[in-house]
Amino acid sequence: MTRTALKKQRHEFLLRQIKQNPFLKDEELAEVCNVSVSTIRFDRAELGIAEYRERVKSAAEEGMGTGIIATGEVLDLNLFRDGISVLKTDKTMVFPETDIVKGQYIYAFAENLALSVIDAKAALVKIANVKYTHEAHAGESLVAKSEVMRVKEKEFVVRVVIKANLNEVFRGKFNMLVTDGEFAEE
């Protein structure tokens, strides 16, 4: 088979795989295709396929159905330790005739960061102890910091604090059980 034919076949395979599962990382795709991560990145660029973080964000936006888009932008992530994410709020997230952001957006933002820091495709929130400490307003940027406090087998306790304009608006502890069978502790 010629080099061009192999590349075309790999491109078709990549498109199918990412359509089925947008959460596949470049490393996973490289392993399945038996090529380097660099080759996968070049292929994605040629095909116009977004990087992992953008695919996850897009899938979350499409899949939530309720219009809740609260994934934020991850700025720093140390798997199984901590992470920082930012969410820019807007008028679509507020209670009618106010500029106060609904709690469901803040909770979803916190839970998404907790899932990201433990690198889980799926996890069951067994216990969530949350407190809303101050209101957030449309137009504010919410900054979330997460910290993995405890790990026991596939169970994690993750603390998330969210601030707006240096004021704490939310804090919570999530007791999460990884259920996807893809857990690998560092």
Protein backbone atom coordinates (compact mmCIF):
# COMPACT_ATOMS: atom_id res chain seq x y z
CA MET A 1 0.00 0.00 0.00
CA THR A 2 1.35 3.45 -0.86
CA ARG A 3 2.16 6.07 1.73
CA THR A 4 -0.69 8.29 0.48
CA ALA A 5 -3.19 5.42 0.71
CA LEU A 6 -2.07 4.62 4.28
CA LYS A 7 -2.43 8.26 5.26
CA LYS A 8 -5.91 8.45 3.73
CA GLN A 9 -6.93 5.28 5.56
CA ARG A 10 -5.55 6.66 8.85
CA HIS A 11 -7.43 9.96 8.32
CA GLU A 12 -10.71 8.10 7.76
CA PHE A 13 -10.06 6.02 10.87
CA LEU A 14 -9.28 9.16 12.93
CA LEU A 15 -12.48 10.86 11.82
CA ARG A 16 -14.57 7.80 12.78
CA GLN A 17 -12.84 7.37 16.14
CA ILE A 18 -13.20 11.02 17.18
CA LYS A 19 -16.82 11.13 16.02
CA GLN A 20 -17.55 8.10 18.22
CA ASN A 21 -15.52 9.38 21.16
CA PRO A 22 -14.39 13.03 21.22
CA PHE A 23 -12.59 12.34 24.52
CA LEU A 24 -9.75 10.37 22.91
CA LYS A 25 -6.39 11.98 23.58
CA ASP A 26 -3.62 12.27 20.97
CA GLU A 27 -1.56 9.69 22.86
CA GLU A 28 -4.40 7.15 22.69
CA LEU A 29 -4.94 7.78 18.99
CA ALA A 30 -1.22 7.46 18.29
CA GLU A 31 -1.12 4.11 20.06
CA VAL A 32 -4.13 2.73 18.17
CA CYS A 33 -2.76 3.96 14.81
CA ASN A 34 0.78 2.84 15.63
CA VAL A 35 2.22 6.27 14.77
CA SER A 36 3.79 9.08 16.78
CA VAL A 37 1.84 11.72 18.69
CA SER A 38 3.33 14.31 16.30
CA THR A 39 1.84 12.46 13.34
CA ILE A 40 -1.58 12.46 14.99
CA ARG A 41 -1.30 16.20 15.62
CA PHE A 42 -0.36 16.83 11.98
CA ASP A 43 -3.29 14.65 10.87
CA ARG A 44 -5.70 16.54 13.14
CA ALA A 45 -4.44 19.86 11.74
CA GLU A 46 -4.91 18.65 8.15
CA LEU A 47 -8.42 17.38 8.91
CA GLY A 48 -9.44 20.45 10.92
CA ILE A 49 -10.01 18.39 14.09
CA ALA A 50 -9.77 20.46 17.26
CA GLU A 51 -7.36 19.64 20.07
CA TYR A 52 -8.55 17.46 22.98
CA ARG A 53 -9.59 20.33 25.29
CA GLU A 54 -11.70 22.00 22.59
CA ARG A 55 -13.35 18.68 21.63
CA VAL A 56 -14.28 18.02 25.26
CA LYS A 57 -15.68 21.54 25.65
CA SER A 58 -17.68 21.22 22.42
CA ALA A 59 -19.05 17.80 23.42
CA ALA A 60 -20.11 19.18 26.80
CA GLU A 61 -21.86 22.13 25.18
CA GLU A 62 -23.73 19.90 22.73
CA GLY A 63 -24.45 17.06 25.11
CA MET A 64 -25.91 18.88 28.05
CA GLY A 65 -29.12 19.65 26.20
CA THR A 66 -30.25 22.09 28.87
CA GLY A 67 -28.09 24.89 27.58
CA ILE A 68 -25.83 24.63 30.62
CA ILE A 69 -22.33 25.35 29.39
CA ALA A 70 -20.11 25.42 32.41
CA THR A 71 -16.88 23.68 31.48
CA GLY A 72 -14.70 26.75 31.65
CA GLU A 73 -11.17 26.99 30.33
CA VAL A 74 -8.59 24.91 32.17
CA LEU A 75 -5.50 27.06 32.81
CA ASP A 76 -3.44 24.63 34.86
CA LEU A 77 -3.93 20.95 35.55
CA ASN A 78 -1.76 18.60 37.60
CA LEU A 79 -3.52 15.28 37.36
CA PHE A 80 -4.46 13.72 40.69
CA ARG A 81 -3.26 16.87 42.51
CA ASP A 82 -4.82 20.21 41.55
CA GLY A 83 -6.15 22.42 38.80
CA ILE A 84 -7.29 25.93 37.92
CA SER A 85 -10.07 26.85 35.51
CA VAL A 86 -11.85 30.06 34.46
CA LEU A 87 -15.47 30.51 33.35
CA LYS A 88 -16.70 33.77 31.83
CA THR A 89 -20.33 34.23 32.85
CA ASP A 90 -22.95 35.87 30.66
CA LYS A 91 -26.65 36.83 30.54
CA THR A 92 -27.70 33.32 29.42
CA MET A 93 -26.70 31.98 32.87
CA VAL A 94 -28.79 34.29 35.07
CA PHE A 95 -32.18 34.25 36.77
CA PRO A 96 -34.84 36.09 34.74
CA GLU A 97 -34.74 39.87 35.10
CA THR A 98 -31.56 39.78 37.21
CA ASP A 99 -27.85 39.55 36.61
CA ILE A 100 -27.33 36.85 39.27
CA VAL A 101 -25.82 33.61 37.94
CA LYS A 102 -27.86 30.46 38.69
CA GLY A 103 -26.28 27.98 41.08
CA GLN A 104 -26.57 25.13 38.57
CA TYR A 105 -23.91 26.77 36.37
CA ILE A 106 -21.57 27.25 39.30
CA TYR A 107 -22.06 23.67 40.49
CA ALA A 108 -21.53 22.26 36.97
CA PHE A 109 -18.34 24.33 36.63
CA ALA A 110 -17.02 22.98 39.96
CA GLU A 111 -17.94 19.37 39.17
CA ASN A 112 -16.34 19.56 35.71
CA LEU A 113 -13.05 20.74 37.22
CA ALA A 114 -13.19 17.99 39.86
CA LEU A 115 -13.67 15.41 37.07
CA SER A 116 -10.81 16.91 35.05
CA VAL A 117 -8.31 16.80 37.89
CA ILE A 118 -8.94 13.08 38.50
CA ASP A 119 -8.82 12.40 34.74
CA ALA A 120 -12.05 10.39 34.75
CA LYS A 121 -14.29 9.79 31.75
CA ALA A 122 -17.06 8.96 34.18
CA ALA A 123 -17.42 9.22 37.94
CA LEU A 124 -20.25 8.97 40.39
CA VAL A 125 -20.52 11.85 42.84
CA LYS A 126 -21.25 9.87 45.99
CA ILE A 127 -21.35 12.88 48.30
CA ALA A 128 -21.20 16.58 47.51
CA ASN A 129 -20.91 19.01 50.38
CA VAL A 130 -21.34 22.44 48.80
CA LYS A 131 -21.84 25.98 50.00
CA TYR A 132 -22.70 29.07 47.99
CA THR A 133 -21.11 31.93 49.90
CA HIS A 134 -21.70 34.95 47.66
CA GLU A 135 -23.65 35.69 44.49
CA ALA A 136 -21.95 35.80 41.10
CA HIS A 137 -23.07 38.24 38.39
CA ALA A 138 -23.22 38.06 34.60
CA GLY A 139 -20.01 39.28 33.03
CA GLU A 140 -17.79 38.17 35.91
CA SER A 141 -15.03 35.66 35.39
CA LEU A 142 -15.24 32.79 37.85
CA VAL A 143 -11.90 31.28 38.88
CA ALA A 144 -12.02 27.75 40.23
CA LYS A 145 -9.21 25.99 42.05
CA SER A 146 -9.36 22.29 42.79
CA GLU A 147 -7.29 20.11 45.06
CA VAL A 148 -7.32 16.34 45.43
CA MET A 149 -7.45 15.87 49.18
CA ARG A 150 -7.62 12.09 49.42
CA VAL A 151 -7.32 9.04 47.16
CA LYS A 152 -8.31 5.51 48.08
CA GLU A 153 -8.37 3.04 45.20
CA LYS A 154 -10.91 4.52 42.75
CA GLU A 155 -12.40 6.97 45.22
CA PHE A 156 -11.33 10.60 45.37
CA VAL A 157 -12.17 13.55 47.59
CA VAL A 158 -11.74 16.76 45.62
CA ARG A 159 -12.11 20.26 47.08
CA VAL A 160 -13.14 23.08 44.74
CA VAL A 161 -13.23 26.79 45.60
CA ILE A 162 -14.66 29.31 43.12
CA LYS A 163 -14.05 33.04 43.35
CA ALA A 164 -15.31 36.09 41.46
CA ASN A 165 -13.41 39.36 41.87
CA LEU A 166 -11.43 37.79 44.74
CA ASN A 167 -14.68 37.02 46.63
CA GLU A 168 -15.44 33.39 47.30
CA VAL A 169 -18.78 32.46 45.72
CA PHE A 170 -18.70 28.67 46.13
CA ARG A 171 -16.81 25.94 47.92
CA GLY A 172 -17.41 22.25 47.86
CA LYS A 173 -16.02 18.81 48.55
CA PHE A 174 -16.84 16.10 46.06
CA ASN A 175 -16.49 12.45 47.07
CA MET A 176 -16.20 10.80 43.65
CA LEU A 177 -16.01 7.16 42.59
CA VAL A 178 -14.41 6.54 39.18
CA THR A 179 -16.69 4.22 37.24
CA ASP A 180 -15.15 4.13 33.77
CA GLY A 181 -12.57 1.41 34.35
CA GLU A 182 -9.91 3.74 32.90
CA PHE A 183 -8.31 4.82 36.18
CA ALA A 184 -4.53 5.00 36.39
CA GLU A 185 -3.00 6.57 39.50
CA GLU A 186 0.31 8.39 39.21
